Amino acid sequence: MNVDIVLYEGFDELDAVGPFEVFQNAAGAGADCHARLVTLGSTDSVTASHGMRVEPDGTLPDPGASDAPDLLVVPGGGWNDRSAAGAWAEYKRGVVPEAAAAQYDAGATVASVCTGGMLLAAAGLLDGRPAVTHASALEDLRETDAVVREERVVDDGRVVTAGGVTSGIDLAFHLVAREFGEETATQVATTLEYDRRDGRIATPDD
């Protein structure tokens, strides 16, 4: 499974790095899983919301390409302060939502962390779907066509959303368990010494 985590100027560090580490540890545990940090355009580095500079692994492949993601993860950051760099700026610019919609249309599963959910809403991927975002942006999400659920992670099949920041780690563990089995997820949680919060995950049957 190719996992691409798309970065943009002003993304929240943990929104991206948390899931990245979970997926890469799953690969180390034997899962057929490879995570990359990608951007939409070629760049040497991206500056996150708290100043961390990241060198991406490459650019997001075209939808349907042989190396296109099976799972695209969209982080948040910089929404509530309407900053010039971050999810709010990308919501206005529209490029990340367009890319997410295109990958979904090509068959990828698309996931969001924190206010990355607002970018999926802009893409139309949350229309009529149960979804969540950071608690401070839930009212904004309610103004879209999403069906807001106040859970830590909401799994609606090919669209999966997580609440604020650290919820992205729970999202990644949930997807590892879903795609590669509970034993792998447990092994990774043991390695990371992480206490999973499976009781706050909503699935399509809920």
Protein backbone atom coordinates (compact mmCIF):
# COMPACT_ATOMS: atom_id res chain seq x y z
CA MET A 1 0.00 0.00 0.00
CA ASN A 2 1.45 3.34 -1.05
CA VAL A 3 0.71 6.01 1.54
CA ASP A 4 1.35 9.60 0.45
CA ILE A 5 1.06 12.35 3.05
CA VAL A 6 0.70 15.64 1.21
CA LEU A 7 2.53 18.61 2.71
CA TYR A 8 1.94 22.31 2.11
CA GLU A 9 3.31 25.47 3.67
CA GLY A 10 1.96 25.84 7.21
CA PHE A 11 0.80 22.24 7.75
CA ASP A 12 0.81 21.05 11.35
CA GLU A 13 3.89 18.95 12.08
CA LEU A 14 2.28 16.17 14.10
CA ASP A 15 -0.66 15.85 11.69
CA ALA A 16 1.81 14.49 9.14
CA VAL A 17 4.70 13.06 11.15
CA GLY A 18 2.52 11.05 13.55
CA PRO A 19 0.81 8.98 10.83
CA PHE A 20 4.08 8.73 8.89
CA GLU A 21 5.82 7.05 11.83
CA VAL A 22 2.93 4.64 12.42
CA PHE A 23 2.83 3.56 8.78
CA GLN A 24 6.61 3.20 8.52
CA ASN A 25 6.69 1.13 11.70
CA ALA A 26 3.95 -1.05 10.20
CA ALA A 27 6.23 -1.60 7.22
CA GLY A 28 9.01 -2.54 9.62
CA ALA A 29 6.63 -5.06 11.19
CA GLY A 30 6.14 -6.73 7.82
CA ALA A 31 3.14 -4.86 6.37
CA ASP A 32 3.18 -4.16 2.64
CA CYS A 33 3.14 -0.45 3.34
CA HIS A 34 5.34 2.46 2.31
CA ALA A 35 4.77 6.04 3.46
CA ARG A 36 6.13 9.15 1.76
CA LEU A 37 5.94 12.86 2.45
CA VAL A 38 5.00 14.57 -0.82
CA THR A 39 4.14 18.00 -2.15
CA LEU A 40 2.04 19.05 -5.12
CA GLY A 41 4.89 20.92 -6.76
CA SER A 42 8.63 20.34 -6.76
CA THR A 43 10.34 22.01 -3.80
CA ASP A 44 13.42 21.48 -1.65
CA SER A 45 11.62 22.02 1.66
CA VAL A 46 8.32 22.89 3.30
CA THR A 47 7.97 24.94 6.50
CA ALA A 48 5.37 23.64 8.93
CA SER A 49 3.19 25.68 11.29
CA HIS A 50 5.64 25.60 14.20
CA GLY A 51 8.70 26.25 12.10
CA MET A 52 9.93 22.74 11.37
CA ARG A 53 11.40 22.46 7.89
CA VAL A 54 10.83 19.21 6.02
CA GLU A 55 12.49 17.88 2.89
CA PRO A 56 9.74 16.03 1.00
CA ASP A 57 10.38 12.68 -0.65
CA GLY A 58 8.98 13.89 -3.96
CA THR A 59 5.81 15.12 -5.60
CA LEU A 60 2.38 13.53 -5.57
CA PRO A 61 2.05 11.22 -8.60
CA ASP A 62 -0.70 11.75 -11.13
CA PRO A 63 -3.96 9.93 -10.32
CA GLY A 64 -3.89 6.41 -11.68
CA ALA A 65 -0.10 6.35 -12.16
CA SER A 66 1.69 3.15 -11.24
CA ASP A 67 3.12 4.81 -8.12
CA ALA A 68 -0.02 6.76 -7.22
CA PRO A 69 -1.12 6.48 -3.59
CA ASP A 70 -3.51 3.84 -2.40
CA LEU A 71 -4.01 6.13 0.59
CA LEU A 72 -3.66 9.91 0.54
CA VAL A 73 -3.41 11.65 3.92
CA VAL A 74 -4.17 15.39 4.15
CA PRO A 75 -2.98 17.18 7.32
CA GLY A 76 -4.37 20.41 8.74
CA GLY A 77 -2.89 23.41 10.51
CA GLY A 78 -3.36 27.17 10.41
CA TRP A 79 -7.14 27.08 9.97
CA ASN A 80 -8.50 28.90 12.99
CA ASP A 81 -6.14 31.85 12.88
CA ARG A 82 -6.77 32.23 9.12
CA SER A 83 -3.02 32.32 8.61
CA ALA A 84 -1.39 33.11 5.29
CA ALA A 85 0.10 29.60 5.22
CA GLY A 86 -1.86 26.54 6.29
CA ALA A 87 -5.17 24.78 5.75
CA TRP A 88 -7.17 28.01 5.48
CA ALA A 89 -4.88 29.32 2.75
CA GLU A 90 -5.07 25.99 0.92
CA TYR A 91 -8.86 25.96 1.29
CA LYS A 92 -8.96 29.33 -0.45
CA ARG A 93 -6.39 28.33 -3.07
CA GLY A 94 -8.19 25.10 -3.89
CA VAL A 95 -5.23 23.12 -5.23
CA VAL A 96 -5.00 20.57 -2.41
CA PRO A 97 -8.77 19.88 -2.48
CA GLU A 98 -8.60 19.39 -6.25
CA ALA A 99 -5.70 16.95 -5.87
CA ALA A 100 -7.52 15.01 -3.15
CA ALA A 101 -10.67 14.73 -5.26
CA ALA A 102 -8.66 13.55 -8.27
CA GLN A 103 -6.89 10.84 -6.27
CA TYR A 104 -10.23 9.71 -4.83
CA ASP A 105 -11.80 9.56 -8.28
CA ALA A 106 -8.88 7.39 -9.41
CA GLY A 107 -9.61 4.89 -6.63
CA ALA A 108 -7.49 6.03 -3.70
CA THR A 109 -8.70 6.13 -0.12
CA VAL A 110 -8.42 9.69 1.19
CA ALA A 111 -7.91 10.54 4.86
CA SER A 112 -7.60 13.79 6.75
CA VAL A 113 -6.16 14.84 10.07
CA CYS A 114 -7.36 17.85 12.06
CA THR A 115 -8.49 20.73 9.82
CA GLY A 116 -7.32 18.79 6.80
CA GLY A 117 -10.96 17.69 6.99
CA MET A 118 -11.96 21.15 5.80
CA LEU A 119 -9.87 20.58 2.68
CA LEU A 120 -11.74 17.33 2.04
CA ALA A 121 -14.99 19.23 2.53
CA ALA A 122 -13.84 21.76 -0.07
CA ALA A 123 -13.14 18.83 -2.38
CA GLY A 124 -16.73 17.64 -2.01
CA LEU A 125 -15.54 14.37 -0.49
CA LEU A 126 -17.49 14.86 2.74
CA ASP A 127 -20.85 15.65 1.14
CA GLY A 128 -23.42 13.48 2.89
CA ARG A 129 -20.69 11.60 4.77
CA PRO A 130 -20.04 11.33 8.50
CA ALA A 131 -16.85 13.22 9.31
CA VAL A 132 -14.91 15.05 11.99
CA THR A 133 -12.27 17.77 12.22
CA HIS A 134 -10.51 19.64 15.01
CA ALA A 135 -12.98 20.55 17.75
CA SER A 136 -12.40 24.26 17.21
CA ALA A 137 -13.45 23.94 13.54
CA LEU A 138 -16.55 21.77 14.00
CA GLU A 139 -18.88 24.72 13.47
CA ASP A 140 -17.17 25.43 10.15
CA LEU A 141 -17.61 21.77 9.20
CA ARG A 142 -21.31 21.97 10.12
CA GLU A 143 -21.67 24.71 7.50
CA THR A 144 -20.69 22.19 4.82
CA ASP A 145 -22.65 19.16 3.61
CA ALA A 146 -20.79 16.81 5.94
CA VAL A 147 -22.62 14.88 8.67
CA VAL A 148 -20.58 15.92 11.70
CA ARG A 149 -19.61 13.23 14.21
CA GLU A 150 -17.74 14.19 17.35
CA GLU A 151 -15.53 11.10 17.41
CA ARG A 152 -11.76 10.83 17.39
CA VAL A 153 -11.74 9.02 14.03
CA VAL A 154 -14.59 8.53 11.57
CA ASP A 155 -14.20 5.73 9.01
CA ASP A 156 -16.61 5.90 6.07
CA GLY A 157 -14.82 3.43 3.83
CA ARG A 158 -12.72 5.28 1.28
CA VAL A 159 -12.94 8.55 3.21
CA VAL A 160 -11.56 8.60 6.75
CA THR A 161 -11.31 11.69 8.94
CA ALA A 162 -9.66 12.39 12.29
CA GLY A 163 -10.07 15.09 14.90
CA GLY A 164 -7.32 17.35 16.14
CA VAL A 165 -3.57 16.76 15.84
CA THR A 166 -2.86 13.60 17.89
CA SER A 167 -6.01 12.00 16.46
CA GLY A 168 -3.98 11.41 13.32
CA ILE A 169 -1.99 8.76 15.19
CA ASP A 170 -5.23 6.96 16.03
CA LEU A 171 -6.33 7.27 12.41
CA ALA A 172 -3.10 5.65 11.25
CA PHE A 173 -3.39 2.81 13.78
CA HIS A 174 -7.00 2.22 12.74
CA LEU A 175 -6.01 1.99 9.08
CA VAL A 176 -3.08 -0.29 9.84
CA ALA A 177 -5.45 -2.61 11.73
CA ARG A 178 -8.04 -2.38 8.96
CA GLU A 179 -5.61 -3.09 6.12
CA PHE A 180 -2.98 -5.31 7.73
CA GLY A 181 -4.62 -6.81 10.79
CA GLU A 182 -4.89 -6.23 14.49
CA GLU A 183 -1.70 -8.13 15.25
CA THR A 184 0.38 -5.70 13.19
CA ALA A 185 -1.30 -2.69 14.79
CA THR A 186 -0.68 -4.10 18.25
CA GLN A 187 2.98 -4.75 17.44
CA VAL A 188 3.44 -1.17 16.25
CA ALA A 189 1.64 0.24 19.30
CA THR A 190 3.97 -1.76 21.53
CA THR A 191 7.01 -0.43 19.67
CA LEU A 192 5.79 3.16 19.96
CA GLU A 193 4.52 2.64 23.53
CA TYR A 194 1.21 4.15 22.44
CA ASP A 195 -2.12 3.65 24.20
CA ARG A 196 -4.62 3.29 21.36
CA ARG A 197 -8.08 4.87 21.69
CA ASP A 198 -10.17 2.45 19.69
CA GLY A 199 -13.27 3.29 21.72
CA ARG A 200 -13.61 6.66 19.96
CA ILE A 201 -13.58 5.41 16.38
CA ALA A 202 -16.79 5.42 14.34
CA THR A 203 -17.07 2.96 11.44
CA PRO A 204 -19.65 2.68 8.63
CA ASP A 205 -21.76 0.28 10.70
CA ASP A 206 -22.13 2.71 13.63
